[in-house]
Structures are given as C-alpha cells and as structure tokens.
C-alpha atoms as a PDB file:
ATOM      1  CA  UNK A   1       4.404  20.141 -25.627  1.00  0.00           C
ATOM      2  CA  UNK A   2       5.432  21.059 -22.112  1.00  0.00           C
ATOM      3  CA  UNK A   3       5.482  24.708 -21.014  1.00  0.00           C
ATOM      4  CA  UNK A   4       9.250  24.767 -21.540  1.00  0.00           C
ATOM      5  CA  UNK A   5       8.923  23.244 -25.018  1.00  0.00           C
ATOM      6  CA  UNK A   6       6.263  25.801 -25.973  1.00  0.00           C
ATOM      7  CA  UNK A   7       8.459  28.702 -24.833  1.00  0.00           C
ATOM      8  CA  UNK A   8      11.445  27.300 -26.743  1.00  0.00           C
ATOM      9  CA  UNK A   9       9.271  26.818 -29.824  1.00  0.00           C
ATOM     10  CA  UNK A  10       7.941  30.385 -29.629  1.00  0.00           C
ATOM     11  CA  UNK A  11      11.520  31.632 -29.317  1.00  0.00           C
ATOM     12  CA  UNK A  12      12.492  29.767 -32.517  1.00  0.00           C
ATOM     13  CA  UNK A  13       9.561  30.873 -34.642  1.00  0.00           C
ATOM     14  CA  UNK A  14       8.868  34.354 -35.951  1.00  0.00           C
ATOM     15  CA  UNK A  15       5.240  34.694 -37.046  1.00  0.00           C
ATOM     16  CA  UNK A  16       1.967  34.219 -35.204  1.00  0.00           C
ATOM     17  CA  UNK A  17      -1.307  34.075 -37.118  1.00  0.00           C
ATOM     18  CA  UNK A  18      -3.983  36.010 -35.245  1.00  0.00           C
ATOM     19  CA  UNK A  19      -7.655  35.205 -35.826  1.00  0.00           C
ATOM     20  CA  UNK A  20     -10.226  37.779 -34.723  1.00  0.00           C
ATOM     21  CA  UNK A  21     -13.992  37.713 -35.187  1.00  0.00           C
ATOM     22  CA  UNK A  22     -15.152  39.915 -38.039  1.00  0.00           C
ATOM     23  CA  UNK A  23     -18.460  41.756 -37.826  1.00  0.00           C
ATOM     24  CA  UNK A  24     -19.789  39.589 -40.675  1.00  0.00           C
ATOM     25  CA  UNK A  25     -19.147  36.435 -38.621  1.00  0.00           C
ATOM     26  CA  UNK A  26     -16.141  35.330 -40.632  1.00  0.00           C
ATOM     27  CA  UNK A  27     -12.729  34.852 -38.986  1.00  0.00           C
ATOM     28  CA  UNK A  28     -10.161  37.501 -39.902  1.00  0.00           C
ATOM     29  CA  UNK A  29      -6.652  35.987 -40.047  1.00  0.00           C
ATOM     30  CA  UNK A  30      -3.498  38.098 -40.067  1.00  0.00           C
ATOM     31  CA  UNK A  31       0.201  37.401 -39.436  1.00  0.00           C
ATOM     32  CA  UNK A  32       2.022  39.337 -36.726  1.00  0.00           C
ATOM     33  CA  UNK A  33       5.509  39.618 -35.303  1.00  0.00           C
ATOM     34  CA  UNK A  34       5.569  39.005 -31.572  1.00  0.00           C
ATOM     35  CA  UNK A  35       7.545  38.864 -28.367  1.00  0.00           C
ATOM     36  CA  UNK A  36       6.947  36.754 -25.287  1.00  0.00           C
ATOM     37  CA  UNK A  37       6.730  38.561 -21.966  1.00  0.00           C
ATOM     38  CA  UNK A  38       6.349  36.455 -18.832  1.00  0.00           C
ATOM     39  CA  UNK A  39       5.031  33.561 -20.912  1.00  0.00           C
ATOM     40  CA  UNK A  40       2.444  35.592 -22.859  1.00  0.00           C
ATOM     41  CA  UNK A  41       2.519  36.863 -26.416  1.00  0.00           C
ATOM     42  CA  UNK A  42       2.547  40.575 -27.210  1.00  0.00           C
ATOM     43  CA  UNK A  43       2.384  42.230 -30.598  1.00  0.00           C
ATOM     44  CA  UNK A  44       1.721  45.627 -32.114  1.00  0.00           C
ATOM     45  CA  UNK A  45      -0.346  46.740 -35.052  1.00  0.00           C
ATOM     46  CA  UNK A  46      -1.891  49.859 -36.525  1.00  0.00           C
ATOM     47  CA  UNK A  47      -4.706  51.243 -34.374  1.00  0.00           C
ATOM     48  CA  UNK A  48      -6.996  51.585 -37.406  1.00  0.00           C
ATOM     49  CA  UNK A  49      -6.442  48.015 -38.612  1.00  0.00           C
ATOM     50  CA  UNK A  50      -9.346  45.642 -39.099  1.00  0.00           C
ATOM     51  CA  UNK A  51      -8.060  43.325 -36.376  1.00  0.00           C
ATOM     52  CA  UNK A  52      -8.173  46.161 -33.834  1.00  0.00           C
ATOM     53  CA  UNK A  53     -11.711  47.086 -34.900  1.00  0.00           C
ATOM     54  CA  UNK A  54     -12.680  43.448 -34.489  1.00  0.00           C
ATOM     55  CA  UNK A  55     -11.040  43.292 -31.046  1.00  0.00           C
ATOM     56  CA  UNK A  56     -12.825  46.451 -29.941  1.00  0.00           C
ATOM     57  CA  UNK A  57     -16.127  44.649 -30.637  1.00  0.00           C
ATOM     58  CA  UNK A  58     -15.028  41.245 -29.325  1.00  0.00           C
ATOM     59  CA  UNK A  59     -11.861  41.061 -27.238  1.00  0.00           C
ATOM     60  CA  UNK A  60     -11.106  37.435 -28.043  1.00  0.00           C
ATOM     61  CA  UNK A  61      -8.566  36.022 -30.485  1.00  0.00           C
ATOM     62  CA  UNK A  62      -7.113  32.684 -31.437  1.00  0.00           C
ATOM     63  CA  UNK A  63      -3.391  32.584 -32.152  1.00  0.00           C
ATOM     64  CA  UNK A  64      -1.417  29.920 -33.962  1.00  0.00           C
ATOM     65  CA  UNK A  65       2.300  29.436 -34.457  1.00  0.00           C
ATOM     66  CA  UNK A  66       3.286  26.445 -36.551  1.00  0.00           C
ATOM     67  CA  UNK A  67       6.322  24.878 -38.199  1.00  0.00           C
ATOM     68  CA  UNK A  68       7.149  21.960 -40.445  1.00  0.00           C
ATOM     69  CA  UNK A  69       6.600  21.012 -44.054  1.00  0.00           C
ATOM     70  CA  UNK A  70       6.073  17.257 -43.733  1.00  0.00           C
ATOM     71  CA  UNK A  71       3.486  15.507 -41.556  1.00  0.00           C
ATOM     72  CA  UNK A  72       6.000  13.714 -39.349  1.00  0.00           C
ATOM     73  CA  UNK A  73       7.667  16.993 -38.317  1.00  0.00           C
ATOM     74  CA  UNK A  74       4.647  19.262 -37.925  1.00  0.00           C
ATOM     75  CA  UNK A  75       4.491  21.116 -34.640  1.00  0.00           C
ATOM     76  CA  UNK A  76       2.749  24.109 -33.301  1.00  0.00           C
ATOM     77  CA  UNK A  77       0.726  25.771 -30.609  1.00  0.00           C
ATOM     78  CA  UNK A  78      -2.709  27.382 -30.615  1.00  0.00           C
ATOM     79  CA  UNK A  79      -3.860  29.803 -27.933  1.00  0.00           C
ATOM     80  CA  UNK A  80      -7.355  31.025 -27.146  1.00  0.00           C
ATOM     81  CA  UNK A  81      -6.832  34.478 -25.655  1.00  0.00           C
ATOM     82  CA  UNK A  82      -8.456  37.512 -24.174  1.00  0.00           C
ATOM     83  CA  UNK A  83      -6.826  40.545 -25.743  1.00  0.00           C
ATOM     84  CA  UNK A  84      -5.954  43.781 -23.999  1.00  0.00           C
ATOM     85  CA  UNK A  85      -5.486  46.728 -26.357  1.00  0.00           C
ATOM     86  CA  UNK A  86      -2.832  49.079 -24.940  1.00  0.00           C
ATOM     87  CA  UNK A  87      -2.926  52.595 -26.391  1.00  0.00           C
ATOM     88  CA  UNK A  88      -0.353  54.384 -24.224  1.00  0.00           C
ATOM     89  CA  UNK A  89       2.241  55.651 -26.723  1.00  0.00           C
ATOM     90  CA  UNK A  90       5.221  55.075 -24.415  1.00  0.00           C
ATOM     91  CA  UNK A  91       4.213  51.458 -23.814  1.00  0.00           C
ATOM     92  CA  UNK A  92       3.561  50.939 -27.529  1.00  0.00           C
ATOM     93  CA  UNK A  93       6.981  52.423 -28.411  1.00  0.00           C
ATOM     94  CA  UNK A  94       8.733  50.225 -25.839  1.00  0.00           C
ATOM     95  CA  UNK A  95       7.035  47.151 -27.300  1.00  0.00           C
ATOM     96  CA  UNK A  96       7.953  48.213 -30.833  1.00  0.00           C
ATOM     97  CA  UNK A  97      11.597  48.536 -29.810  1.00  0.00           C
ATOM     98  CA  UNK A  98      11.422  45.116 -28.145  1.00  0.00           C
ATOM     99  CA  UNK A  99       9.928  43.566 -31.284  1.00  0.00           C
ATOM    100  CA  UNK A 100      12.575  45.117 -33.549  1.00  0.00           C
ATOM    101  CA  UNK A 101      15.300  44.029 -31.140  1.00  0.00           C
ATOM    102  CA  UNK A 102      14.106  40.447 -31.481  1.00  0.00           C
ATOM    103  CA  UNK A 103      13.685  40.508 -35.250  1.00  0.00           C
ATOM    104  CA  UNK A 104      16.948  42.278 -36.057  1.00  0.00           C
ATOM    105  CA  UNK A 105      18.946  40.057 -33.712  1.00  0.00           C
ATOM    106  CA  UNK A 106      20.562  42.829 -31.711  1.00  0.00           C
ATOM    107  CA  UNK A 107      21.190  42.294 -28.004  1.00  0.00           C
ATOM    108  CA  UNK A 108      19.150  45.176 -26.590  1.00  0.00           C
ATOM    109  CA  UNK A 109      16.911  48.028 -27.781  1.00  0.00           C
ATOM    110  CA  UNK A 110      19.800  50.455 -27.185  1.00  0.00           C
ATOM    111  CA  UNK A 111      21.781  48.563 -29.839  1.00  0.00           C
ATOM    112  CA  UNK A 112      19.206  49.195 -32.567  1.00  0.00           C
ATOM    113  CA  UNK A 113      20.296  51.350 -35.471  1.00  0.00           C
ATOM    114  CA  UNK A 114      19.132  54.964 -35.077  1.00  0.00           C
ATOM    115  CA  UNK A 115      17.047  54.724 -38.253  1.00  0.00           C
ATOM    116  CA  UNK A 116      15.147  51.736 -36.825  1.00  0.00           C
ATOM    117  CA  UNK A 117      14.630  53.496 -33.491  1.00  0.00           C
ATOM    118  CA  UNK A 118      13.385  56.613 -35.296  1.00  0.00           C
ATOM    119  CA  UNK A 119      10.992  54.543 -37.428  1.00  0.00           C
ATOM    120  CA  UNK A 120       9.580  52.763 -34.344  1.00  0.00           C
ATOM    121  CA  UNK A 121       9.135  56.033 -32.482  1.00  0.00           C
ATOM    122  CA  UNK A 122       7.419  57.637 -35.492  1.00  0.00           C
ATOM    123  CA  UNK A 123       5.003  54.708 -35.826  1.00  0.00           C
ATOM    124  CA  UNK A 124       4.194  54.325 -32.107  1.00  0.00           C
ATOM    125  CA  UNK A 125       1.571  57.074 -32.143  1.00  0.00           C
ATOM    126  CA  UNK A 126      -0.332  55.267 -34.911  1.00  0.00           C
ATOM    127  CA  UNK A 127      -0.109  51.833 -33.327  1.00  0.00           C
ATOM    128  CA  UNK A 128      -1.433  49.878 -30.368  1.00  0.00           C
ATOM    129  CA  UNK A 129       0.083  47.072 -28.343  1.00  0.00           C
ATOM    130  CA  UNK A 130      -1.817  43.812 -28.149  1.00  0.00           C
ATOM    131  CA  UNK A 131      -1.447  41.712 -25.005  1.00  0.00           C
ATOM    132  CA  UNK A 132      -2.720  38.189 -25.557  1.00  0.00           C
ATOM    133  CA  UNK A 133      -3.757  36.704 -22.190  1.00  0.00           C
ATOM    134  CA  UNK A 134      -3.955  32.945 -22.587  1.00  0.00           C
ATOM    135  CA  UNK A 135      -7.196  31.195 -21.656  1.00  0.00           C
ATOM    136  CA  UNK A 136      -6.521  27.824 -23.213  1.00  0.00           C
ATOM    137  CA  UNK A 137      -3.720  26.144 -25.151  1.00  0.00           C
ATOM    138  CA  UNK A 138      -3.375  23.239 -27.552  1.00  0.00           C
ATOM    139  CA  UNK A 139       0.009  22.119 -28.844  1.00  0.00           C
ATOM    140  CA  UNK A 140       1.325  19.369 -31.067  1.00  0.00           C
ATOM    141  CA  UNK A 141       4.682  17.933 -32.041  1.00  0.00           C
ATOM    142  CA  UNK A 142       4.487  15.173 -34.625  1.00  0.00           C
ATOM    143  CA  UNK A 143       8.185  14.455 -34.168  1.00  0.00           C
ATOM    144  CA  UNK A 144       7.135  12.671 -30.971  1.00  0.00           C
ATOM    145  CA  UNK A 145       4.736  10.340 -32.803  1.00  0.00           C
ATOM    146  CA  UNK A 146       7.464   8.061 -34.186  1.00  0.00           C
ATOM    147  CA  UNK A 147       9.105   7.781 -30.780  1.00  0.00           C
ATOM    148  CA  UNK A 148       5.836   6.934 -28.998  1.00  0.00           C
ATOM    149  CA  UNK A 149       6.476   9.802 -26.512  1.00  0.00           C
ATOM    150  CA  UNK A 150       3.553  12.221 -26.380  1.00  0.00           C
END
C-alpha cells in the first residue's frame, strides 16, 4: 500500500495489535485503540500493564492492523517501532480525549459527553501514552492481486 492508502486504512480500522517482548522471551500481544498523529500511531494504556513493563525493558514493539475475512480481500499493515513512553499526565489526558473523540465519533474533544471527559481525566493519572515511532513497515492488500496491480 502507498503511504496514502496506509493512512486511509488506519483511519478505517479501529484496533491495533501490539506485540512487545516478554521477559520470558515470548511475544506479548494485546489489542489497543489508537490515533494517528503526523503519520504515527499513538495509544494509551495503564502504566502498570505488562506491555509497559515489557517496553521499559525493551523499547521495541511490532504493531499490526488487519482487515478481511476471505483471502482475496485480506489487507493490513505491520510496523516495527521504537516506543516512547510518555508519563506526563496532561499529555496522557489529551491523548485519552483524542482517542475517545475518535471512537465515539464526535467532532472534537470539547464535544465529548461530560461523563466521558470525567472518566478520561480520572484515568489519566494511572495511564501512559505510547508513541510508536516507525522504523520499518510492511503492508498488503490482496484485493490488488486479482487486478495484477501491486
């Protein structure tokens, strides 16, 4: 997929699977909600989560977003990333509001219901923001196979 196709795909989809390296050597896979900022994925999670502990030891992750239920329509993108863990509560809260804006379909964080805003603000102190800085990307779109356009 082209850069534009990847961005459009990421805008359509809703869940990224994040793989971190566990201390026992096994990959740790977890789904996350995300937003795209300047072409890079951002997410938030609880600071005490296993994925954060893994990232504190090894700041690398592999991300995958995929779609399709039949071979001829499978598509997706995989990113190898360096991960920055952001702990500043204001930045975490702003990201949380941005994520909930995207997933509730409202136009702007100011349009979020007060109960959602309150929930995000209450959780921000317990969470971290994850900035996934892309190192390498692989994408696929099996819909292009039949057309011969890759």
